[in-house]
């Protein structure tokens, strides 16, 4: 592939990322606006998921670009492929953990697994968590998902009516 084609493709990808960021900003701003100006718990969870999805899509798009423009076996190619697989695995774990927590009867939950760290943050749609509920979620994270107990953070998000 010629150098000019590569530049045109990369410029197009950067332009696409910029447009995506603008749409994300506009849509996230519209989703969080409420009649009173407050952000509800439902909006918090929806906004968080939208931002997380947009960020991950941008990361995956950049990795795909690297994979397309480098040869297999190259160090950059191998690093990009490993990172892409790590992101996909992380997304699957987050979805699985969110589903587990929702199955306990919570209306919503968001799980965030750190890419650069081993931290696992859980935000549950509840006014407060009883000790038994906290312990159940903690056990799901440590036993079912194999998370390091020292890196687990569970926080209730106060639901507004």
Protein backbone atom coordinates (compact mmCIF):
# COMPACT_ATOMS: atom_id res chain seq x y z
CA UNK A 1 0.00 0.00 0.00
CA UNK A 2 1.41 3.39 -0.94
CA UNK A 3 2.32 6.00 1.63
CA UNK A 4 -0.32 8.41 0.25
CA UNK A 5 -3.06 5.82 0.68
CA UNK A 6 -1.97 5.19 4.26
CA UNK A 7 -2.07 8.92 5.02
CA UNK A 8 -5.53 9.26 3.48
CA UNK A 9 -6.84 6.26 5.43
CA UNK A 10 -5.35 7.46 8.73
CA UNK A 11 -6.72 10.98 8.12
CA UNK A 12 -10.14 9.49 7.47
CA UNK A 13 -9.95 7.46 10.68
CA UNK A 14 -8.91 10.52 12.70
CA UNK A 15 -11.79 12.48 11.17
CA UNK A 16 -14.18 9.63 12.02
CA UNK A 17 -12.91 9.61 15.61
CA UNK A 18 -13.43 13.37 15.87
CA UNK A 19 -16.99 13.09 14.57
CA UNK A 20 -17.68 10.23 17.00
CA UNK A 21 -16.33 12.30 19.90
CA UNK A 22 -18.54 15.25 18.93
CA UNK A 23 -21.63 13.03 18.69
CA UNK A 24 -20.75 11.44 22.02
CA UNK A 25 -20.44 14.86 23.65
CA UNK A 26 -23.73 16.08 22.19
CA UNK A 27 -25.67 12.89 22.96
CA UNK A 28 -24.20 12.48 26.45
CA UNK A 29 -25.10 16.09 27.22
CA UNK A 30 -28.65 15.52 26.02
CA UNK A 31 -28.97 12.27 28.00
CA UNK A 32 -27.87 13.81 31.31
CA UNK A 33 -30.07 16.91 31.14
CA UNK A 34 -33.09 16.64 33.39
CA UNK A 35 -35.97 19.02 34.01
CA UNK A 36 -34.41 20.13 37.29
CA UNK A 37 -30.88 19.89 35.98
CA UNK A 38 -30.06 16.90 38.22
CA UNK A 39 -28.56 13.67 36.99
CA UNK A 40 -30.58 10.66 38.05
CA UNK A 41 -29.12 7.25 38.79
CA UNK A 42 -30.66 5.86 35.60
CA UNK A 43 -28.97 8.61 33.59
CA UNK A 44 -25.71 7.90 35.41
CA UNK A 45 -25.73 4.26 34.35
CA UNK A 46 -26.80 5.03 30.78
CA UNK A 47 -24.23 7.81 30.43
CA UNK A 48 -21.46 5.66 31.87
CA UNK A 49 -22.24 2.82 29.46
CA UNK A 50 -22.41 5.20 26.48
CA UNK A 51 -19.07 6.78 27.31
CA UNK A 52 -17.45 3.40 27.98
CA UNK A 53 -18.74 1.98 24.69
CA UNK A 54 -17.62 5.01 22.71
CA UNK A 55 -14.16 4.96 24.24
CA UNK A 56 -13.74 1.23 23.66
CA UNK A 57 -14.95 1.53 20.05
CA UNK A 58 -12.38 4.25 19.44
CA UNK A 59 -9.63 2.12 20.98
CA UNK A 60 -10.63 -0.91 18.92
CA UNK A 61 -10.79 1.20 15.75
CA UNK A 62 -7.27 2.46 16.37
CA UNK A 63 -6.02 -1.07 17.02
CA UNK A 64 -7.72 -2.29 13.82
CA UNK A 65 -5.94 0.47 11.94
CA UNK A 66 -2.59 -0.64 13.35
CA UNK A 67 -3.36 -4.26 12.49
CA UNK A 68 -4.24 -3.33 8.90
CA UNK A 69 -1.14 -1.22 8.37
CA UNK A 70 1.47 -3.56 9.85
CA UNK A 71 2.61 -6.98 8.81
CA UNK A 72 1.77 -10.09 10.83
CA UNK A 73 4.69 -11.15 12.99
CA UNK A 74 5.82 -7.57 13.49
CA UNK A 75 6.18 -6.47 17.15
CA UNK A 76 3.65 -3.64 16.70
CA UNK A 77 1.18 -6.10 15.16
CA UNK A 78 1.59 -8.58 18.01
CA UNK A 79 1.19 -5.85 20.66
CA UNK A 80 -1.92 -4.46 18.97
CA UNK A 81 -3.46 -7.92 18.67
CA UNK A 82 -2.71 -8.74 22.32
CA UNK A 83 -4.21 -5.44 23.47
CA UNK A 84 -7.30 -5.95 21.33
CA UNK A 85 -7.83 -9.43 22.77
CA UNK A 86 -7.33 -8.05 26.29
CA UNK A 87 -9.97 -5.35 25.70
CA UNK A 88 -12.46 -7.86 24.30
CA UNK A 89 -11.89 -10.21 27.25
CA UNK A 90 -12.34 -7.32 29.67
CA UNK A 91 -15.61 -6.30 27.97
CA UNK A 92 -16.94 -9.85 28.25
CA UNK A 93 -16.02 -10.09 31.95
CA UNK A 94 -17.69 -6.75 32.69
CA UNK A 95 -20.88 -7.81 30.93
CA UNK A 96 -20.93 -11.15 32.73
CA UNK A 97 -20.40 -9.53 36.14
CA UNK A 98 -23.08 -6.91 35.47
CA UNK A 99 -25.51 -9.69 34.57
CA UNK A 100 -24.65 -11.61 37.75
CA UNK A 101 -25.27 -8.53 39.89
CA UNK A 102 -28.55 -7.69 38.14
CA UNK A 103 -29.67 -11.29 38.75
CA UNK A 104 -29.50 -10.54 42.47
CA UNK A 105 -32.45 -8.19 42.02
CA UNK A 106 -30.76 -4.84 41.44
CA UNK A 107 -32.27 -2.72 38.68
CA UNK A 108 -28.88 -1.70 37.31
CA UNK A 109 -25.18 -2.17 37.87
CA UNK A 110 -21.98 -1.15 36.12
CA UNK A 111 -18.68 -2.98 36.41
CA UNK A 112 -15.43 -1.35 35.39
CA UNK A 113 -12.27 -3.41 35.09
CA UNK A 114 -9.02 -1.50 34.84
CA UNK A 115 -6.91 -2.10 31.75
CA UNK A 116 -3.69 -0.82 33.31
CA UNK A 117 -4.48 -1.96 36.84
CA UNK A 118 -6.20 -4.90 38.48
CA UNK A 119 -8.91 -2.71 40.03
CA UNK A 120 -12.53 -3.78 39.67
CA UNK A 121 -15.09 -1.09 40.46
CA UNK A 122 -18.76 -1.94 40.83
CA UNK A 123 -21.53 0.66 40.94
CA UNK A 124 -24.91 -0.70 42.01
CA UNK A 125 -28.23 1.10 41.68
CA UNK A 126 -29.20 1.09 45.37
CA UNK A 127 -29.64 3.56 48.19
CA UNK A 128 -27.37 1.44 50.33
CA UNK A 129 -26.05 -2.09 50.41
CA UNK A 130 -26.78 -4.42 53.29
CA UNK A 131 -23.81 -6.40 54.56
CA UNK A 132 -25.16 -9.64 53.06
CA UNK A 133 -25.70 -7.99 49.65
CA UNK A 134 -22.21 -6.53 49.74
CA UNK A 135 -20.80 -9.92 50.66
CA UNK A 136 -22.74 -11.67 47.88
CA UNK A 137 -21.44 -9.22 45.25
CA UNK A 138 -17.95 -9.48 46.71
CA UNK A 139 -18.06 -13.28 46.49
CA UNK A 140 -19.24 -13.15 42.88
CA UNK A 141 -16.32 -10.91 41.98
CA UNK A 142 -13.68 -12.87 43.83
CA UNK A 143 -14.83 -16.46 43.33
CA UNK A 144 -16.73 -16.47 40.04
CA UNK A 145 -14.65 -13.88 38.20
CA UNK A 146 -11.32 -14.49 39.93
CA UNK A 147 -10.78 -10.85 40.88
CA UNK A 148 -8.12 -10.03 43.48
CA UNK A 149 -10.00 -9.28 46.74
CA UNK A 150 -7.70 -6.35 47.53
CA UNK A 151 -8.66 -4.58 44.28
CA UNK A 152 -12.46 -4.82 44.51
CA UNK A 153 -14.50 -1.65 45.17
CA UNK A 154 -18.29 -1.86 45.50
CA UNK A 155 -20.29 1.37 45.70
CA UNK A 156 -24.03 2.02 45.77
CA UNK A 157 -25.28 4.88 43.62
CA UNK A 158 -28.16 6.65 45.35
CA UNK A 159 -31.24 6.14 43.22
CA UNK A 160 -33.48 9.20 42.90
CA UNK A 161 -37.21 8.78 42.54
